[in-house]
Structures are given as structure tokens and as C-alpha cells.
């Protein structure tokens, strides 16, 4: 995954230490330096019933982004993108 203005390879890593329902299902980690950049939660769409991952990313370079994980265009089903709407 990457951000168009700030290319960054990140990984969604299952949160093996999740102990409470409100804790994230995933940690978002920078593949470059291993820093944690955010978290993700499994959600189910009320309108379609489909499952998705809701994420929150935060870094000094871009502030905080809230979005959803989706399959990236192309043939590789393992590649994902984050769809988000800018605050401004």
C-alpha cells in the first residue's frame, strides 16, 4: 500500500495481542523501518453485509487518515490500497 503523495510500503499485521473487543484487529507497520503507523478493525457493511477493514493511519508527514482497505487495481489479489477522503 502507498499514499500517492508519500509512497510508503506498509503491512497489515494481525494483532496477536488483542485482548478486548475494542482493540484493533490489525497493526499497520512501515515495511521500511518497522514503525507502527496505525491500526485496523474488521467491520461489516450495514448496507451490503460485506466485510472490510477500517483503518486509521497517523504520521507527522501526513497527519491522520481514516479509510478502508480495498483490493488494488490489477491482477495481484494480495495488493491492497487505502481508500480515504481528505479532511479538507
PDB file of N, CA and C in Angstrom:
ATOM      1  N   UNK A   1       0.839  -1.172   0.000  1.00  0.00           N
ATOM      2  CA  UNK A   1       0.000   0.000   0.000  1.00  0.00           C
ATOM      3  C   UNK A   1       0.884   1.235   0.000  1.00  0.00           C
ATOM      4  N   UNK A   2       0.368   2.288  -0.527  1.00  0.00           N
ATOM      5  CA  UNK A   2       1.110   3.532  -0.534  1.00  0.00           C
ATOM      6  C   UNK A   2       0.171   4.706  -0.603  1.00  0.00           C
ATOM      7  N   UNK A   3       0.690   5.884  -0.385  1.00  0.00           N
ATOM      8  CA  UNK A   3      -0.059   7.132  -0.465  1.00  0.00           C
ATOM      9  C   UNK A   3       0.485   7.865  -1.678  1.00  0.00           C
ATOM     10  N   UNK A   4      -0.381   8.387  -2.570  1.00  0.00           N
ATOM     11  CA  UNK A   4       0.122   8.984  -3.812  1.00  0.00           C
ATOM     12  C   UNK A   4       1.170  10.071  -3.608  1.00  0.00           C
ATOM     13  N   UNK A   5       1.032  10.897  -2.574  1.00  0.00           N
ATOM     14  CA  UNK A   5       1.987  11.973  -2.342  1.00  0.00           C
ATOM     15  C   UNK A   5       3.146  11.523  -1.454  1.00  0.00           C
ATOM     16  N   UNK A   6       2.996  10.398  -0.825  1.00  0.00           N
ATOM     17  CA  UNK A   6       4.008   9.895   0.088  1.00  0.00           C
ATOM     18  C   UNK A   6       4.084   8.378  -0.074  1.00  0.00           C
ATOM     19  N   UNK A   7       4.763   7.893  -1.114  1.00  0.00           N
ATOM     20  CA  UNK A   7       4.816   6.449  -1.321  1.00  0.00           C
ATOM     21  C   UNK A   7       5.401   5.750  -0.102  1.00  0.00           C
ATOM     22  N   UNK A   8       4.676   4.774   0.401  1.00  0.00           N
ATOM     23  CA  UNK A   8       5.144   4.042   1.572  1.00  0.00           C
ATOM     24  C   UNK A   8       4.633   2.621   1.512  1.00  0.00           C
ATOM     25  N   UNK A   9       5.532   1.684   1.633  1.00  0.00           N
ATOM     26  CA  UNK A   9       5.132   0.286   1.703  1.00  0.00           C
ATOM     27  C   UNK A   9       4.794  -0.015   3.157  1.00  0.00           C
ATOM     28  N   UNK A  10       3.560  -0.469   3.365  1.00  0.00           N
ATOM     29  CA  UNK A  10       3.116  -0.779   4.713  1.00  0.00           C
ATOM     30  C   UNK A  10       2.561  -2.194   4.745  1.00  0.00           C
ATOM     31  N   UNK A  11       2.435  -2.737   5.934  1.00  0.00           N
ATOM     32  CA  UNK A  11       1.902  -4.090   6.105  1.00  0.00           C
ATOM     33  C   UNK A  11       0.787  -4.058   7.137  1.00  0.00           C
ATOM     34  N   UNK A  12      -0.293  -4.785   6.847  1.00  0.00           N
ATOM     35  CA  UNK A  12      -1.361  -5.017   7.813  1.00  0.00           C
ATOM     36  C   UNK A  12      -1.012  -6.317   8.531  1.00  0.00           C
ATOM     37  N   UNK A  13      -0.708  -6.221   9.809  1.00  0.00           N
ATOM     38  CA  UNK A  13      -0.278  -7.385  10.582  1.00  0.00           C
ATOM     39  C   UNK A  13      -1.360  -7.715  11.606  1.00  0.00           C
ATOM     40  N   UNK A  14      -1.867  -8.961  11.613  1.00  0.00           N
ATOM     41  CA  UNK A  14      -2.874  -9.310  12.616  1.00  0.00           C
ATOM     42  C   UNK A  14      -2.371  -9.010  14.031  1.00  0.00           C
ATOM     43  N   UNK A  15      -3.253  -8.454  14.852  1.00  0.00           N
ATOM     44  CA  UNK A  15      -2.912  -8.089  16.226  1.00  0.00           C
ATOM     45  C   UNK A  15      -3.041  -9.329  17.109  1.00  0.00           C
ATOM     46  N   UNK A  16      -1.949 -10.030  17.294  1.00  0.00           N
ATOM     47  CA  UNK A  16      -1.952 -11.269  18.069  1.00  0.00           C
ATOM     48  C   UNK A  16      -2.155 -11.019  19.569  1.00  0.00           C
ATOM     49  N   UNK A  17      -2.022  -9.755  19.996  1.00  0.00           N
ATOM     50  CA  UNK A  17      -2.184  -9.427  21.421  1.00  0.00           C
ATOM     51  C   UNK A  17      -3.566  -8.844  21.736  1.00  0.00           C
ATOM     52  N   UNK A  18      -4.485  -8.928  20.799  1.00  0.00           N
ATOM     53  CA  UNK A  18      -5.820  -8.379  21.025  1.00  0.00           C
ATOM     54  C   UNK A  18      -6.481  -9.110  22.191  1.00  0.00           C
ATOM     55  N   UNK A  19      -6.843  -8.348  23.221  1.00  0.00           N
ATOM     56  CA  UNK A  19      -7.449  -8.941  24.409  1.00  0.00           C
ATOM     57  C   UNK A  19      -8.869  -8.443  24.648  1.00  0.00           C
ATOM     58  N   UNK A  20      -9.236  -7.301  24.046  1.00  0.00           N
ATOM     59  CA  UNK A  20     -10.557  -6.716  24.238  1.00  0.00           C
ATOM     60  C   UNK A  20     -11.205  -6.458  22.891  1.00  0.00           C
ATOM     61  N   UNK A  21     -12.521  -6.461  22.858  1.00  0.00           N
ATOM     62  CA  UNK A  21     -13.276  -6.293  21.617  1.00  0.00           C
ATOM     63  C   UNK A  21     -12.948  -4.984  20.903  1.00  0.00           C
ATOM     64  N   UNK A  22     -12.706  -3.896  21.653  1.00  0.00           N
ATOM     65  CA  UNK A  22     -12.474  -2.591  21.027  1.00  0.00           C
ATOM     66  C   UNK A  22     -11.026  -2.382  20.579  1.00  0.00           C
ATOM     67  N   UNK A  23     -10.132  -3.294  20.871  1.00  0.00           N
ATOM     68  CA  UNK A  23      -8.749  -3.184  20.414  1.00  0.00           C
ATOM     69  C   UNK A  23      -8.673  -3.530  18.926  1.00  0.00           C
ATOM     70  N   UNK A  24      -7.698  -2.980  18.207  1.00  0.00           N
ATOM     71  CA  UNK A  24      -7.618  -3.219  16.757  1.00  0.00           C
ATOM     72  C   UNK A  24      -7.357  -4.680  16.409  1.00  0.00           C
ATOM     73  N   UNK A  25      -7.899  -5.074  15.255  1.00  0.00           N
ATOM     74  CA  UNK A  25      -7.666  -6.420  14.735  1.00  0.00           C
ATOM     75  C   UNK A  25      -6.324  -6.499  14.011  1.00  0.00           C
ATOM     76  N   UNK A  26      -5.816  -5.340  13.565  1.00  0.00           N
ATOM     77  CA  UNK A  26      -4.550  -5.269  12.821  1.00  0.00           C
ATOM     78  C   UNK A  26      -3.709  -4.103  13.319  1.00  0.00           C
ATOM     79  N   UNK A  27      -2.411  -4.241  13.183  1.00  0.00           N
ATOM     80  CA  UNK A  27      -1.456  -3.147  13.355  1.00  0.00           C
ATOM     81  C   UNK A  27      -0.943  -2.815  11.961  1.00  0.00           C
ATOM     82  N   UNK A  28      -0.751  -1.541  11.680  1.00  0.00           N
ATOM     83  CA  UNK A  28      -0.208  -1.120  10.387  1.00  0.00           C
ATOM     84  C   UNK A  28       1.237  -0.710  10.617  1.00  0.00           C
ATOM     85  N   UNK A  29       2.139  -1.430   9.961  1.00  0.00           N
ATOM     86  CA  UNK A  29       3.570  -1.292  10.193  1.00  0.00           C
ATOM     87  C   UNK A  29       4.264  -0.825   8.914  1.00  0.00           C
ATOM     88  N   UNK A  30       5.224   0.100   9.063  1.00  0.00           N
ATOM     89  CA  UNK A  30       6.050   0.526   7.932  1.00  0.00           C
ATOM     90  C   UNK A  30       7.003  -0.600   7.574  1.00  0.00           C
ATOM     91  N   UNK A  31       7.014  -0.973   6.278  1.00  0.00           N
ATOM     92  CA  UNK A  31       7.958  -2.007   5.828  1.00  0.00           C
ATOM     93  C   UNK A  31       9.387  -1.465   5.770  1.00  0.00           C
ATOM     94  N   UNK A  32       9.528  -0.148   5.743  1.00  0.00           N
ATOM     95  CA  UNK A  32      10.854   0.471   5.638  1.00  0.00           C
ATOM     96  C   UNK A  32      11.599   0.416   6.965  1.00  0.00           C
ATOM     97  N   UNK A  33      10.910   0.788   8.060  1.00  0.00           N
ATOM     98  CA  UNK A  33      11.624   0.886   9.333  1.00  0.00           C
ATOM     99  C   UNK A  33      10.968   0.134  10.490  1.00  0.00           C
ATOM    100  N   UNK A  34       9.825  -0.504  10.253  1.00  0.00           N
ATOM    101  CA  UNK A  34       9.168  -1.289  11.296  1.00  0.00           C
ATOM    102  C   UNK A  34       8.329  -0.486  12.271  1.00  0.00           C
ATOM    103  N   UNK A  35       8.237   0.833  12.071  1.00  0.00           N
ATOM    104  CA  UNK A  35       7.442   1.663  12.974  1.00  0.00           C
ATOM    105  C   UNK A  35       5.956   1.390  12.780  1.00  0.00           C
ATOM    106  N   UNK A  36       5.222   1.462  13.883  1.00  0.00           N
ATOM    107  CA  UNK A  36       3.774   1.322  13.799  1.00  0.00           C
ATOM    108  C   UNK A  36       3.179   2.656  13.369  1.00  0.00           C
ATOM    109  N   UNK A  37       2.352   2.619  12.298  1.00  0.00           N
ATOM    110  CA  UNK A  37       1.752   3.831  11.740  1.00  0.00           C
ATOM    111  C   UNK A  37       0.264   3.933  12.004  1.00  0.00           C
ATOM    112  N   UNK A  38      -0.352   2.838  12.435  1.00  0.00           N
ATOM    113  CA  UNK A  38      -1.794   2.877  12.635  1.00  0.00           C
ATOM    114  C   UNK A  38      -2.359   1.530  13.007  1.00  0.00           C
ATOM    115  N   UNK A  39      -3.692   1.434  12.844  1.00  0.00           N
ATOM    116  CA  UNK A  39      -4.396   0.229  13.243  1.00  0.00           C
ATOM    117  C   UNK A  39      -5.587  -0.001  12.318  1.00  0.00           C
ATOM    118  N   UNK A  40      -6.103  -1.219  12.329  1.00  0.00           N
ATOM    119  CA  UNK A  40      -7.256  -1.561  11.507  1.00  0.00           C
ATOM    120  C   UNK A  40      -8.236  -2.436  12.267  1.00  0.00           C
ATOM    121  N   UNK A  41      -9.505  -2.288  11.925  1.00  0.00           N
ATOM    122  CA  UNK A  41     -10.573  -3.036  12.576  1.00  0.00           C
ATOM    123  C   UNK A  41     -11.433  -3.737  11.534  1.00  0.00           C
ATOM    124  N   UNK A  42     -11.785  -4.985  11.781  1.00  0.00           N
ATOM    125  CA  UNK A  42     -12.719  -5.697  10.916  1.00  0.00           C
ATOM    126  C   UNK A  42     -14.101  -5.101  11.104  1.00  0.00           C
ATOM    127  N   UNK A  43     -14.771  -4.820  10.003  1.00  0.00           N
ATOM    128  CA  UNK A  43     -16.118  -4.246  10.037  1.00  0.00           C
ATOM    129  C   UNK A  43     -16.985  -4.987   9.022  1.00  0.00           C
ATOM    130  N   UNK A  44     -18.297  -4.847   9.188  1.00  0.00           N
ATOM    131  CA  UNK A  44     -19.258  -5.390   8.232  1.00  0.00           C
ATOM    132  C   UNK A  44     -20.161  -4.254   7.778  1.00  0.00           C
ATOM    133  N   UNK A  45     -20.290  -4.099   6.463  1.00  0.00           N
ATOM    134  CA  UNK A  45     -21.127  -3.054   5.886  1.00  0.00           C
ATOM    135  C   UNK A  45     -22.589  -3.289   6.257  1.00  0.00           C
ATOM    136  N   UNK A  46     -23.237  -2.242   6.765  1.00  0.00           N
ATOM    137  CA  UNK A  46     -24.661  -2.344   7.117  1.00  0.00           C
ATOM    138  C   UNK A  46     -25.524  -2.481   5.871  1.00  0.00           C
ATOM    139  N   UNK A  47     -25.114  -1.869   4.760  1.00  0.00           N
ATOM    140  CA  UNK A  47     -25.936  -1.893   3.555  1.00  0.00           C
ATOM    141  C   UNK A  47     -25.760  -3.168   2.731  1.00  0.00           C
ATOM    142  N   UNK A  48     -24.516  -3.664   2.601  1.00  0.00           N
ATOM    143  CA  UNK A  48     -24.279  -4.824   1.737  1.00  0.00           C
ATOM    144  C   UNK A  48     -24.005  -6.112   2.511  1.00  0.00           C
ATOM    145  N   UNK A  49     -23.627  -5.991   3.779  1.00  0.00           N
ATOM    146  CA  UNK A  49     -23.270  -7.172   4.563  1.00  0.00           C
ATOM    147  C   UNK A  49     -21.868  -7.679   4.304  1.00  0.00           C
ATOM    148  N   UNK A  50     -21.106  -6.959   3.440  1.00  0.00           N
ATOM    149  CA  UNK A  50     -19.737  -7.380   3.116  1.00  0.00           C
ATOM    150  C   UNK A  50     -18.763  -6.954   4.211  1.00  0.00           C
ATOM    151  N   UNK A  51     -17.749  -7.792   4.430  1.00  0.00           N
ATOM    152  CA  UNK A  51     -16.707  -7.484   5.398  1.00  0.00           C
ATOM    153  C   UNK A  51     -15.654  -6.578   4.774  1.00  0.00           C
ATOM    154  N   UNK A  52     -15.063  -5.705   5.590  1.00  0.00           N
ATOM    155  CA  UNK A  52     -13.982  -4.834   5.148  1.00  0.00           C
ATOM    156  C   UNK A  52     -13.119  -4.476   6.344  1.00  0.00           C
ATOM    157  N   UNK A  53     -12.004  -3.806   6.098  1.00  0.00           N
ATOM    158  CA  UNK A  53     -11.107  -3.352   7.167  1.00  0.00           C
ATOM    159  C   UNK A  53     -11.109  -1.830   7.176  1.00  0.00           C
ATOM    160  N   UNK A  54     -11.479  -1.257   8.314  1.00  0.00           N
ATOM    161  CA  UNK A  54     -11.448   0.185   8.532  1.00  0.00           C
ATOM    162  C   UNK A  54     -10.111   0.512   9.196  1.00  0.00           C
ATOM    163  N   UNK A  55      -9.410   1.545   8.693  1.00  0.00           N
ATOM    164  CA  UNK A  55      -8.075   1.850   9.213  1.00  0.00           C
ATOM    165  C   UNK A  55      -7.934   3.304   9.654  1.00  0.00           C
ATOM    166  N   UNK A  56      -6.988   3.504  10.529  1.00  0.00           N
ATOM    167  CA  UNK A  56      -6.564   4.828  10.966  1.00  0.00           C
ATOM    168  C   UNK A  56      -5.040   4.843  10.893  1.00  0.00           C
ATOM    169  N   UNK A  57      -4.488   5.772  10.092  1.00  0.00           N
ATOM    170  CA  UNK A  57      -3.035   5.924   9.940  1.00  0.00           C
ATOM    171  C   UNK A  57      -2.629   7.291  10.454  1.00  0.00           C
ATOM    172  N   UNK A  58      -1.481   7.364  11.083  1.00  0.00           N
ATOM    173  CA  UNK A  58      -1.024   8.650  11.587  1.00  0.00           C
ATOM    174  C   UNK A  58       0.492   8.745  11.494  1.00  0.00           C
ATOM    175  N   UNK A  59       0.965   9.867  10.924  1.00  0.00           N
ATOM    176  CA  UNK A  59       2.399  10.133  10.825  1.00  0.00           C
ATOM    177  C   UNK A  59       2.586  11.637  10.654  1.00  0.00           C
ATOM    178  N   UNK A  60       3.703  12.175  11.116  1.00  0.00           N
ATOM    179  CA  UNK A  60       3.931  13.619  11.001  1.00  0.00           C
ATOM    180  C   UNK A  60       3.861  14.133   9.565  1.00  0.00           C
ATOM    181  N   UNK A  61       4.233  13.295   8.588  1.00  0.00           N
ATOM    182  CA  UNK A  61       4.254  13.730   7.192  1.00  0.00           C
ATOM    183  C   UNK A  61       2.868  13.994   6.622  1.00  0.00           C
ATOM    184  N   UNK A  62       1.851  13.288   7.124  1.00  0.00           N
ATOM    185  CA  UNK A  62       0.518  13.446   6.552  1.00  0.00           C
ATOM    186  C   UNK A  62      -0.601  13.570   7.573  1.00  0.00           C
ATOM    187  N   UNK A  63      -0.310  13.638   8.854  1.00  0.00           N
ATOM    188  CA  UNK A  63      -1.351  13.759   9.876  1.00  0.00           C
ATOM    189  C   UNK A  63      -2.068  12.433  10.066  1.00  0.00           C
ATOM    190  N   UNK A  64      -3.380  12.492  10.275  1.00  0.00           N
ATOM    191  CA  UNK A  64      -4.178  11.279  10.478  1.00  0.00           C
ATOM    192  C   UNK A  64      -5.113  11.057   9.296  1.00  0.00           C
ATOM    193  N   UNK A  65      -5.162   9.836   8.825  1.00  0.00           N
ATOM    194  CA  UNK A  65      -6.026   9.431   7.717  1.00  0.00           C
ATOM    195  C   UNK A  65      -6.939   8.316   8.208  1.00  0.00           C
ATOM    196  N   UNK A  66      -8.231   8.441   7.930  1.00  0.00           N
ATOM    197  CA  UNK A  66      -9.192   7.378   8.199  1.00  0.00           C
ATOM    198  C   UNK A  66      -9.658   6.856   6.857  1.00  0.00           C
ATOM    199  N   UNK A  67      -9.667   5.545   6.692  1.00  0.00           N
ATOM    200  CA  UNK A  67     -10.071   4.994   5.413  1.00  0.00           C
ATOM    201  C   UNK A  67     -10.432   3.525   5.507  1.00  0.00           C
ATOM    202  N   UNK A  68     -10.591   2.909   4.346  1.00  0.00           N
ATOM    203  CA  UNK A  68     -10.924   1.495   4.245  1.00  0.00           C
ATOM    204  C   UNK A  68      -9.961   0.814   3.290  1.00  0.00           C
ATOM    205  N   UNK A  69      -9.646  -0.432   3.565  1.00  0.00           N
ATOM    206  CA  UNK A  69      -8.753  -1.212   2.720  1.00  0.00           C
ATOM    207  C   UNK A  69      -9.568  -1.831   1.585  1.00  0.00           C
ATOM    208  N   UNK A  70      -9.042  -1.744   0.369  1.00  0.00           N
ATOM    209  CA  UNK A  70      -9.685  -2.331  -0.804  1.00  0.00           C
ATOM    210  C   UNK A  70      -8.625  -3.007  -1.666  1.00  0.00           C
ATOM    211  N   UNK A  71      -9.068  -3.885  -2.538  1.00  0.00           N
ATOM    212  CA  UNK A  71      -8.155  -4.544  -3.466  1.00  0.00           C
ATOM    213  C   UNK A  71      -7.620  -3.519  -4.463  1.00  0.00           C
ATOM    214  N   UNK A  72      -6.320  -3.585  -4.718  1.00  0.00           N
ATOM    215  CA  UNK A  72      -5.687  -2.668  -5.669  1.00  0.00           C
ATOM    216  C   UNK A  72      -6.032  -3.088  -7.093  1.00  0.00           C
ATOM    217  N   UNK A  73      -6.049  -2.127  -8.025  1.00  0.00           N
ATOM    218  CA  UNK A  73      -6.263  -2.483  -9.427  1.00  0.00           C
ATOM    219  C   UNK A  73      -5.157  -3.421  -9.912  1.00  0.00           C
ATOM    220  N   UNK A  74      -5.497  -4.285 -10.839  1.00  0.00           N
ATOM    221  CA  UNK A  74      -4.504  -5.203 -11.392  1.00  0.00           C
ATOM    222  C   UNK A  74      -4.832  -6.645 -11.058  1.00  0.00           C
ATOM    223  N   UNK A  75      -3.902  -7.501 -11.397  1.00  0.00           N
ATOM    224  CA  UNK A  75      -4.113  -8.944 -11.289  1.00  0.00           C
ATOM    225  C   UNK A  75      -3.703  -9.548  -9.947  1.00  0.00           C
ATOM    226  N   UNK A  76      -2.927  -8.821  -9.137  1.00  0.00           N
ATOM    227  CA  UNK A  76      -2.401  -9.380  -7.897  1.00  0.00           C
ATOM    228  C   UNK A  76      -3.403  -9.192  -6.752  1.00  0.00           C
ATOM    229  N   UNK A  77      -4.061 -10.266  -6.295  1.00  0.00           N
ATOM    230  CA  UNK A  77      -5.060 -10.132  -5.229  1.00  0.00           C
ATOM    231  C   UNK A  77      -4.463  -9.819  -3.862  1.00  0.00           C
ATOM    232  N   UNK A  78      -3.146  -9.932  -3.720  1.00  0.00           N
ATOM    233  CA  UNK A  78      -2.521  -9.627  -2.426  1.00  0.00           C
ATOM    234  C   UNK A  78      -2.238  -8.136  -2.260  1.00  0.00           C
ATOM    235  N   UNK A  79      -2.278  -7.362  -3.348  1.00  0.00           N
ATOM    236  CA  UNK A  79      -2.017  -5.919  -3.263  1.00  0.00           C
ATOM    237  C   UNK A  79      -3.297  -5.191  -2.872  1.00  0.00           C
ATOM    238  N   UNK A  80      -3.155  -4.279  -1.931  1.00  0.00           N
ATOM    239  CA  UNK A  80      -4.297  -3.520  -1.417  1.00  0.00           C
ATOM    240  C   UNK A  80      -3.994  -2.027  -1.465  1.00  0.00           C
ATOM    241  N   UNK A  81      -5.044  -1.232  -1.410  1.00  0.00           N
ATOM    242  CA  UNK A  81      -4.932   0.221  -1.317  1.00  0.00           C
ATOM    243  C   UNK A  81      -5.833   0.693  -0.185  1.00  0.00           C
ATOM    244  N   UNK A  82      -5.578   1.895   0.272  1.00  0.00           N
ATOM    245  CA  UNK A  82      -6.452   2.515   1.262  1.00  0.00           C
ATOM    246  C   UNK A  82      -7.251   3.605   0.563  1.00  0.00           C
ATOM    247  N   UNK A  83      -8.564   3.477   0.647  1.00  0.00           N
ATOM    248  CA  UNK A  83      -9.456   4.486   0.076  1.00  0.00           C
ATOM    249  C   UNK A  83      -9.859   5.420   1.203  1.00  0.00           C
ATOM    250  N   UNK A  84      -9.612   6.715   0.992  1.00  0.00           N
ATOM    251  CA  UNK A  84      -9.898   7.689   2.043  1.00  0.00           C
ATOM    252  C   UNK A  84     -10.320   9.000   1.425  1.00  0.00           C
ATOM    253  N   UNK A  85     -10.987   9.801   2.211  1.00  0.00           N
ATOM    254  CA  UNK A  85     -11.387  11.139   1.786  1.00  0.00           C
ATOM    255  C   UNK A  85     -10.600  12.151   2.609  1.00  0.00           C
ATOM    256  N   UNK A  86      -9.926  13.099   1.953  1.00  0.00           N
ATOM    257  CA  UNK A  86      -9.188  14.121   2.704  1.00  0.00           C
ATOM    258  C   UNK A  86     -10.149  14.935   3.570  1.00  0.00           C
ATOM    259  N   UNK A  87      -9.630  15.424   4.683  1.00  0.00           N
ATOM    260  CA  UNK A  87     -10.433  16.222   5.611  1.00  0.00           C
ATOM    261  C   UNK A  87     -10.847  17.533   4.973  1.00  0.00           C
ATOM    262  N   UNK A  88      -9.958  18.169   4.200  1.00  0.00           N
ATOM    263  CA  UNK A  88     -10.269  19.488   3.600  1.00  0.00           C
ATOM    264  C   UNK A  88     -10.919  19.305   2.264  1.00  0.00           C
TER     265      UNK A  88
END
